Amino acid sequence: MKYLTGFLAFWYNFIIGDDWTIAVGVVLALALGAWLARSHVDAWLWLPLAVGVVLVFSLWRAVKAPDARM
């Protein structure tokens, strides 16, 4: 059981890490990209745009946080 909890803890820290909003943004961007691709829409531009939006949102949250440590 110790190995299973260690394995799950590794994947949680690897995927979620410090900011869960980035993980959610990536999952949503991939889901929307898959949906657009299945709808026969040119979806190749969506993922770079989504990465930029998630990055800007994450930086905005980090800068406005009163206890932001660097």
PDB file of N, CA and C in Angstrom:
ATOM      1  N   MET A   1       0.824  -1.195   0.000  1.00  0.00           N
ATOM      2  CA  MET A   1       0.000   0.000   0.000  1.00  0.00           C
ATOM      3  C   MET A   1       0.865   1.254   0.000  1.00  0.00           C
ATOM      4  N   LYS A   2       2.037   1.169   0.648  1.00  0.00           N
ATOM      5  CA  LYS A   2       2.939   2.307   0.706  1.00  0.00           C
ATOM      6  C   LYS A   2       3.421   2.710  -0.692  1.00  0.00           C
ATOM      7  N   TYR A   3       3.658   1.720  -1.531  1.00  0.00           N
ATOM      8  CA  TYR A   3       4.127   2.000  -2.888  1.00  0.00           C
ATOM      9  C   TYR A   3       3.031   2.639  -3.728  1.00  0.00           C
ATOM     10  N   LEU A   4       1.804   2.210  -3.535  1.00  0.00           N
ATOM     11  CA  LEU A   4       0.691   2.781  -4.284  1.00  0.00           C
ATOM     12  C   LEU A   4       0.460   4.236  -3.896  1.00  0.00           C
ATOM     13  N   THR A   5       0.477   4.535  -2.616  1.00  0.00           N
ATOM     14  CA  THR A   5       0.278   5.923  -2.197  1.00  0.00           C
ATOM     15  C   THR A   5       1.440   6.801  -2.652  1.00  0.00           C
ATOM     16  N   GLY A   6       2.650   6.266  -2.628  1.00  0.00           N
ATOM     17  CA  GLY A   6       3.797   7.025  -3.135  1.00  0.00           C
ATOM     18  C   GLY A   6       3.686   7.288  -4.628  1.00  0.00           C
ATOM     19  N   PHE A   7       3.227   6.285  -5.371  1.00  0.00           N
ATOM     20  CA  PHE A   7       3.052   6.421  -6.807  1.00  0.00           C
ATOM     21  C   PHE A   7       1.989   7.473  -7.130  1.00  0.00           C
ATOM     22  N   LEU A   8       0.853   7.407  -6.416  1.00  0.00           N
ATOM     23  CA  LEU A   8      -0.215   8.388  -6.643  1.00  0.00           C
ATOM     24  C   LEU A   8       0.204   9.784  -6.207  1.00  0.00           C
ATOM     25  N   ALA A   9       0.957   9.884  -5.132  1.00  0.00           N
ATOM     26  CA  ALA A   9       1.441  11.191  -4.682  1.00  0.00           C
ATOM     27  C   ALA A   9       2.400  11.797  -5.707  1.00  0.00           C
ATOM     28  N   PHE A  10       3.242  10.961  -6.313  1.00  0.00           N
ATOM     29  CA  PHE A  10       4.142  11.457  -7.357  1.00  0.00           C
ATOM     30  C   PHE A  10       3.360  12.041  -8.520  1.00  0.00           C
ATOM     31  N   TRP A  11       2.356  11.307  -9.012  1.00  0.00           N
ATOM     32  CA  TRP A  11       1.598  11.786 -10.161  1.00  0.00           C
ATOM     33  C   TRP A  11       0.775  13.021  -9.825  1.00  0.00           C
ATOM     34  N   TYR A  12       0.260  13.089  -8.605  1.00  0.00           N
ATOM     35  CA  TYR A  12      -0.469  14.287  -8.187  1.00  0.00           C
ATOM     36  C   TYR A  12       0.469  15.494  -8.195  1.00  0.00           C
ATOM     37  N   ASN A  13       1.647  15.349  -7.605  1.00  0.00           N
ATOM     38  CA  ASN A  13       2.602  16.458  -7.588  1.00  0.00           C
ATOM     39  C   ASN A  13       3.128  16.783  -8.979  1.00  0.00           C
ATOM     40  N   PHE A  14       3.253  15.781  -9.835  1.00  0.00           N
ATOM     41  CA  PHE A  14       3.750  16.015 -11.187  1.00  0.00           C
ATOM     42  C   PHE A  14       2.726  16.749 -12.039  1.00  0.00           C
ATOM     43  N   ILE A  15       1.455  16.380 -11.935  1.00  0.00           N
ATOM     44  CA  ILE A  15       0.424  16.980 -12.772  1.00  0.00           C
ATOM     45  C   ILE A  15      -0.093  18.281 -12.169  1.00  0.00           C
ATOM     46  N   ILE A  16      -0.438  18.263 -10.921  1.00  0.00           N
ATOM     47  CA  ILE A  16      -1.009  19.451 -10.281  1.00  0.00           C
ATOM     48  C   ILE A  16       0.093  20.425  -9.905  1.00  0.00           C
ATOM     49  N   GLY A  17       1.116  19.958  -9.230  1.00  0.00           N
ATOM     50  CA  GLY A  17       2.236  20.812  -8.858  1.00  0.00           C
ATOM     51  C   GLY A  17       1.827  21.906  -7.894  1.00  0.00           C
ATOM     52  N   ASP A  18       2.310  23.114  -8.153  1.00  0.00           N
ATOM     53  CA  ASP A  18       2.026  24.242  -7.269  1.00  0.00           C
ATOM     54  C   ASP A  18       0.707  24.923  -7.579  1.00  0.00           C
ATOM     55  N   ASP A  19       0.261  24.856  -8.814  1.00  0.00           N
ATOM     56  CA  ASP A  19      -0.907  25.630  -9.216  1.00  0.00           C
ATOM     57  C   ASP A  19      -1.893  24.730  -9.953  1.00  0.00           C
ATOM     58  N   TRP A  20      -3.001  24.432  -9.320  1.00  0.00           N
ATOM     59  CA  TRP A  20      -3.998  23.546  -9.915  1.00  0.00           C
ATOM     60  C   TRP A  20      -4.703  24.198 -11.099  1.00  0.00           C
ATOM     61  N   THR A  21      -4.713  25.541 -11.165  1.00  0.00           N
ATOM     62  CA  THR A  21      -5.417  26.206 -12.260  1.00  0.00           C
ATOM     63  C   THR A  21      -4.737  25.953 -13.601  1.00  0.00           C
ATOM     64  N   ILE A  22      -3.423  25.793 -13.590  1.00  0.00           N
ATOM     65  CA  ILE A  22      -2.716  25.495 -14.841  1.00  0.00           C
ATOM     66  C   ILE A  22      -3.106  24.102 -15.336  1.00  0.00           C
ATOM     67  N   ALA A  23      -3.194  23.148 -14.429  1.00  0.00           N
ATOM     68  CA  ALA A  23      -3.598  21.792 -14.818  1.00  0.00           C
ATOM     69  C   ALA A  23      -5.013  21.790 -15.387  1.00  0.00           C
ATOM     70  N   VAL A  24      -5.914  22.530 -14.763  1.00  0.00           N
ATOM     71  CA  VAL A  24      -7.288  22.615 -15.267  1.00  0.00           C
ATOM     72  C   VAL A  24      -7.310  23.306 -16.630  1.00  0.00           C
ATOM     73  N   GLY A  25      -6.521  24.365 -16.790  1.00  0.00           N
ATOM     74  CA  GLY A  25      -6.460  25.062 -18.070  1.00  0.00           C
ATOM     75  C   GLY A  25      -5.941  24.178 -19.189  1.00  0.00           C
ATOM     76  N   VAL A  26      -4.953  23.370 -18.890  1.00  0.00           N
ATOM     77  CA  VAL A  26      -4.408  22.455 -19.907  1.00  0.00           C
ATOM     78  C   VAL A  26      -5.447  21.404 -20.295  1.00  0.00           C
ATOM     79  N   VAL A  27      -6.131  20.845 -19.314  1.00  0.00           N
ATOM     80  CA  VAL A  27      -7.154  19.832 -19.608  1.00  0.00           C
ATOM     81  C   VAL A  27      -8.277  20.443 -20.433  1.00  0.00           C
ATOM     82  N   LEU A  28      -8.726  21.643 -20.063  1.00  0.00           N
ATOM     83  CA  LEU A  28      -9.787  22.302 -20.828  1.00  0.00           C
ATOM     84  C   LEU A  28      -9.333  22.649 -22.244  1.00  0.00           C
ATOM     85  N   ALA A  29      -8.104  23.111 -22.393  1.00  0.00           N
ATOM     86  CA  ALA A  29      -7.586  23.451 -23.720  1.00  0.00           C
ATOM     87  C   ALA A  29      -7.494  22.217 -24.607  1.00  0.00           C
ATOM     88  N   LEU A  30      -7.026  21.110 -24.054  1.00  0.00           N
ATOM     89  CA  LEU A  30      -6.945  19.876 -24.839  1.00  0.00           C
ATOM     90  C   LEU A  30      -8.333  19.347 -25.195  1.00  0.00           C
ATOM     91  N   ALA A  31      -9.269  19.458 -24.270  1.00  0.00           N
ATOM     92  CA  ALA A  31     -10.631  18.993 -24.549  1.00  0.00           C
ATOM     93  C   ALA A  31     -11.279  19.845 -25.635  1.00  0.00           C
ATOM     94  N   LEU A  32     -11.121  21.154 -25.553  1.00  0.00           N
ATOM     95  CA  LEU A  32     -11.694  22.017 -26.582  1.00  0.00           C
ATOM     96  C   LEU A  32     -11.009  21.809 -27.928  1.00  0.00           C
ATOM     97  N   GLY A  33      -9.701  21.602 -27.909  1.00  0.00           N
ATOM     98  CA  GLY A  33      -8.985  21.310 -29.152  1.00  0.00           C
ATOM     99  C   GLY A  33      -9.447  20.011 -29.793  1.00  0.00           C
ATOM    100  N   ALA A  34      -9.681  18.988 -28.977  1.00  0.00           N
ATOM    101  CA  ALA A  34     -10.181  17.713 -29.510  1.00  0.00           C
ATOM    102  C   ALA A  34     -11.587  17.882 -30.068  1.00  0.00           C
ATOM    103  N   TRP A  35     -12.409  18.636 -29.375  1.00  0.00           N
ATOM    104  CA  TRP A  35     -13.767  18.869 -29.860  1.00  0.00           C
ATOM    105  C   TRP A  35     -13.758  19.643 -31.183  1.00  0.00           C
ATOM    106  N   LEU A  36     -12.905  20.662 -31.276  1.00  0.00           N
ATOM    107  CA  LEU A  36     -12.806  21.428 -32.525  1.00  0.00           C
ATOM    108  C   LEU A  36     -12.288  20.551 -33.664  1.00  0.00           C
ATOM    109  N   ALA A  37     -11.321  19.697 -33.379  1.00  0.00           N
ATOM    110  CA  ALA A  37     -10.775  18.820 -34.415  1.00  0.00           C
ATOM    111  C   ALA A  37     -11.824  17.814 -34.893  1.00  0.00           C
ATOM    112  N   ARG A  38     -12.637  17.306 -33.978  1.00  0.00           N
ATOM    113  CA  ARG A  38     -13.696  16.367 -34.370  1.00  0.00           C
ATOM    114  C   ARG A  38     -14.806  17.068 -35.146  1.00  0.00           C
ATOM    115  N   SER A  39     -14.928  18.387 -34.958  1.00  0.00           N
ATOM    116  CA  SER A  39     -15.939  19.158 -35.681  1.00  0.00           C
ATOM    117  C   SER A  39     -15.432  19.620 -37.042  1.00  0.00           C
ATOM    118  N   HIS A  40     -14.270  19.126 -37.441  1.00  0.00           N
ATOM    119  CA  HIS A  40     -13.652  19.460 -38.728  1.00  0.00           C
ATOM    120  C   HIS A  40     -13.369  20.951 -38.856  1.00  0.00           C
ATOM    121  N   VAL A  41     -12.938  21.559 -37.753  1.00  0.00           N
ATOM    122  CA  VAL A  41     -12.512  22.954 -37.737  1.00  0.00           C
ATOM    123  C   VAL A  41     -10.995  22.948 -37.615  1.00  0.00           C
ATOM    124  N   ASP A  42     -10.338  23.920 -38.247  1.00  0.00           N
ATOM    125  CA  ASP A  42      -8.887  24.022 -38.107  1.00  0.00           C
ATOM    126  C   ASP A  42      -8.561  24.422 -36.673  1.00  0.00           C
ATOM    127  N   ALA A  43      -8.161  23.443 -35.875  1.00  0.00           N
ATOM    128  CA  ALA A  43      -7.957  23.657 -34.441  1.00  0.00           C
ATOM    129  C   ALA A  43      -6.489  23.837 -34.088  1.00  0.00           C
ATOM    130  N   TRP A  44      -5.607  23.928 -35.053  1.00  0.00           N
ATOM    131  CA  TRP A  44      -4.182  23.978 -34.762  1.00  0.00           C
ATOM    132  C   TRP A  44      -3.783  25.264 -34.049  1.00  0.00           C
ATOM    133  N   LEU A  45      -4.523  26.339 -34.234  1.00  0.00           N
ATOM    134  CA  LEU A  45      -4.160  27.601 -33.601  1.00  0.00           C
ATOM    135  C   LEU A  45      -4.683  27.701 -32.174  1.00  0.00           C
ATOM    136  N   TRP A  46      -5.620  26.864 -31.807  1.00  0.00           N
ATOM    137  CA  TRP A  46      -6.240  26.961 -30.489  1.00  0.00           C
ATOM    138  C   TRP A  46      -5.259  26.695 -29.348  1.00  0.00           C
ATOM    139  N   LEU A  47      -4.431  25.655 -29.442  1.00  0.00           N
ATOM    140  CA  LEU A  47      -3.567  25.301 -28.325  1.00  0.00           C
ATOM    141  C   LEU A  47      -2.511  26.361 -28.005  1.00  0.00           C
ATOM    142  N   PRO A  48      -1.792  26.946 -28.975  1.00  0.00           N
ATOM    143  CA  PRO A  48      -0.866  28.024 -28.605  1.00  0.00           C
ATOM    144  C   PRO A  48      -1.583  29.222 -27.989  1.00  0.00           C
ATOM    145  N   LEU A  49      -2.768  29.532 -28.487  1.00  0.00           N
ATOM    146  CA  LEU A  49      -3.541  30.629 -27.907  1.00  0.00           C
ATOM    147  C   LEU A  49      -3.958  30.298 -26.479  1.00  0.00           C
ATOM    148  N   ALA A  50      -4.387  29.072 -26.244  1.00  0.00           N
ATOM    149  CA  ALA A  50      -4.790  28.656 -24.899  1.00  0.00           C
ATOM    150  C   ALA A  50      -3.606  28.665 -23.933  1.00  0.00           C
ATOM    151  N   VAL A  51      -2.441  28.253 -24.397  1.00  0.00           N
ATOM    152  CA  VAL A  51      -1.244  28.300 -23.546  1.00  0.00           C
ATOM    153  C   VAL A  51      -0.945  29.737 -23.138  1.00  0.00           C
ATOM    154  N   GLY A  52      -1.061  30.657 -24.066  1.00  0.00           N
ATOM    155  CA  GLY A  52      -0.836  32.064 -23.740  1.00  0.00           C
ATOM    156  C   GLY A  52      -1.842  32.590 -22.734  1.00  0.00           C
ATOM    157  N   VAL A  53      -3.096  32.223 -22.896  1.00  0.00           N
ATOM    158  CA  VAL A  53      -4.140  32.682 -21.966  1.00  0.00           C
ATOM    159  C   VAL A  53      -3.906  32.106 -20.575  1.00  0.00           C
ATOM    160  N   VAL A  54      -3.591  30.824 -20.495  1.00  0.00           N
ATOM    161  CA  VAL A  54      -3.337  30.197 -19.192  1.00  0.00           C
ATOM    162  C   VAL A  54      -2.101  30.807 -18.540  1.00  0.00           C
ATOM    163  N   LEU A  55      -1.070  31.085 -19.310  1.00  0.00           N
ATOM    164  CA  LEU A  55       0.139  31.696 -18.775  1.00  0.00           C
ATOM    165  C   LEU A  55      -0.141  33.087 -18.228  1.00  0.00           C
ATOM    166  N   VAL A  56      -0.861  33.898 -18.988  1.00  0.00           N
ATOM    167  CA  VAL A  56      -1.186  35.254 -18.527  1.00  0.00           C
ATOM    168  C   VAL A  56      -2.048  35.202 -17.268  1.00  0.00           C
ATOM    169  N   PHE A  57      -3.033  34.306 -17.236  1.00  0.00           N
ATOM    170  CA  PHE A  57      -3.884  34.176 -16.057  1.00  0.00           C
ATOM    171  C   PHE A  57      -3.084  33.742 -14.837  1.00  0.00           C
ATOM    172  N   SER A  58      -2.165  32.805 -15.020  1.00  0.00           N
ATOM    173  CA  SER A  58      -1.355  32.325 -13.907  1.00  0.00           C
ATOM    174  C   SER A  58      -0.423  33.419 -13.387  1.00  0.00           C
ATOM    175  N   LEU A  59       0.192  34.156 -14.293  1.00  0.00           N
ATOM    176  CA  LEU A  59       1.068  35.263 -13.874  1.00  0.00           C
ATOM    177  C   LEU A  59       0.281  36.364 -13.190  1.00  0.00           C
ATOM    178  N   TRP A  60      -0.911  36.649 -13.681  1.00  0.00           N
ATOM    179  CA  TRP A  60      -1.750  37.668 -13.060  1.00  0.00           C
ATOM    180  C   TRP A  60      -2.107  37.276 -11.630  1.00  0.00           C
ATOM    181  N   ARG A  61      -2.461  36.001 -11.434  1.00  0.00           N
ATOM    182  CA  ARG A  61      -2.776  35.538 -10.080  1.00  0.00           C
ATOM    183  C   ARG A  61      -1.561  35.593  -9.168  1.00  0.00           C
ATOM    184  N   ALA A  62      -0.387  35.279  -9.699  1.00  0.00           N
ATOM    185  CA  ALA A  62       0.829  35.281  -8.884  1.00  0.00           C
ATOM    186  C   ALA A  62       1.229  36.702  -8.484  1.00  0.00           C
ATOM    187  N   VAL A  63       1.028  37.650  -9.386  1.00  0.00           N
ATOM    188  CA  VAL A  63       1.422  39.025  -9.089  1.00  0.00           C
ATOM    189  C   VAL A  63       0.451  39.683  -8.112  1.00  0.00           C
ATOM    190  N   LYS A  64      -0.826  39.388  -8.227  1.00  0.00           N
ATOM    191  CA  LYS A  64      -1.791  40.024  -7.341  1.00  0.00           C
ATOM    192  C   LYS A  64      -1.844  39.389  -5.957  1.00  0.00           C
ATOM    193  N   ALA A  65      -1.257  38.210  -5.794  1.00  0.00           N
ATOM    194  CA  ALA A  65      -1.265  37.528  -4.496  1.00  0.00           C
ATOM    195  C   ALA A  65      -0.425  38.332  -3.500  1.00  0.00           C
ATOM    196  N   PRO A  66      -0.954  38.605  -2.316  1.00  0.00           N
ATOM    197  CA  PRO A  66      -0.215  39.421  -1.358  1.00  0.00           C
ATOM    198  C   PRO A  66       1.010  38.716  -0.773  1.00  0.00           C
ATOM    199  N   ASP A  67       1.027  37.401  -0.742  1.00  0.00           N
ATOM    200  CA  ASP A  67       2.159  36.694  -0.171  1.00  0.00           C
ATOM    201  C   ASP A  67       2.983  35.976  -1.230  1.00  0.00           C
ATOM    202  N   ALA A  68       3.087  36.581  -2.407  1.00  0.00           N
ATOM    203  CA  ALA A  68       3.859  35.959  -3.495  1.00  0.00           C
ATOM    204  C   ALA A  68       5.334  35.942  -3.110  1.00  0.00           C
ATOM    205  N   ARG A  69       5.884  34.730  -3.070  1.00  0.00           N
ATOM    206  CA  ARG A  69       7.302  34.581  -2.722  1.00  0.00           C
ATOM    207  C   ARG A  69       8.084  34.199  -3.961  1.00  0.00           C
ATOM    208  N   MET A  70       9.215  34.824  -4.149  1.00  0.00           N
ATOM    209  CA  MET A  70      10.048  34.494  -5.299  1.00  0.00           C
ATOM    210  C   MET A  70      11.441  34.188  -4.834  1.00  0.00           C
TER     211      MET A  70
END
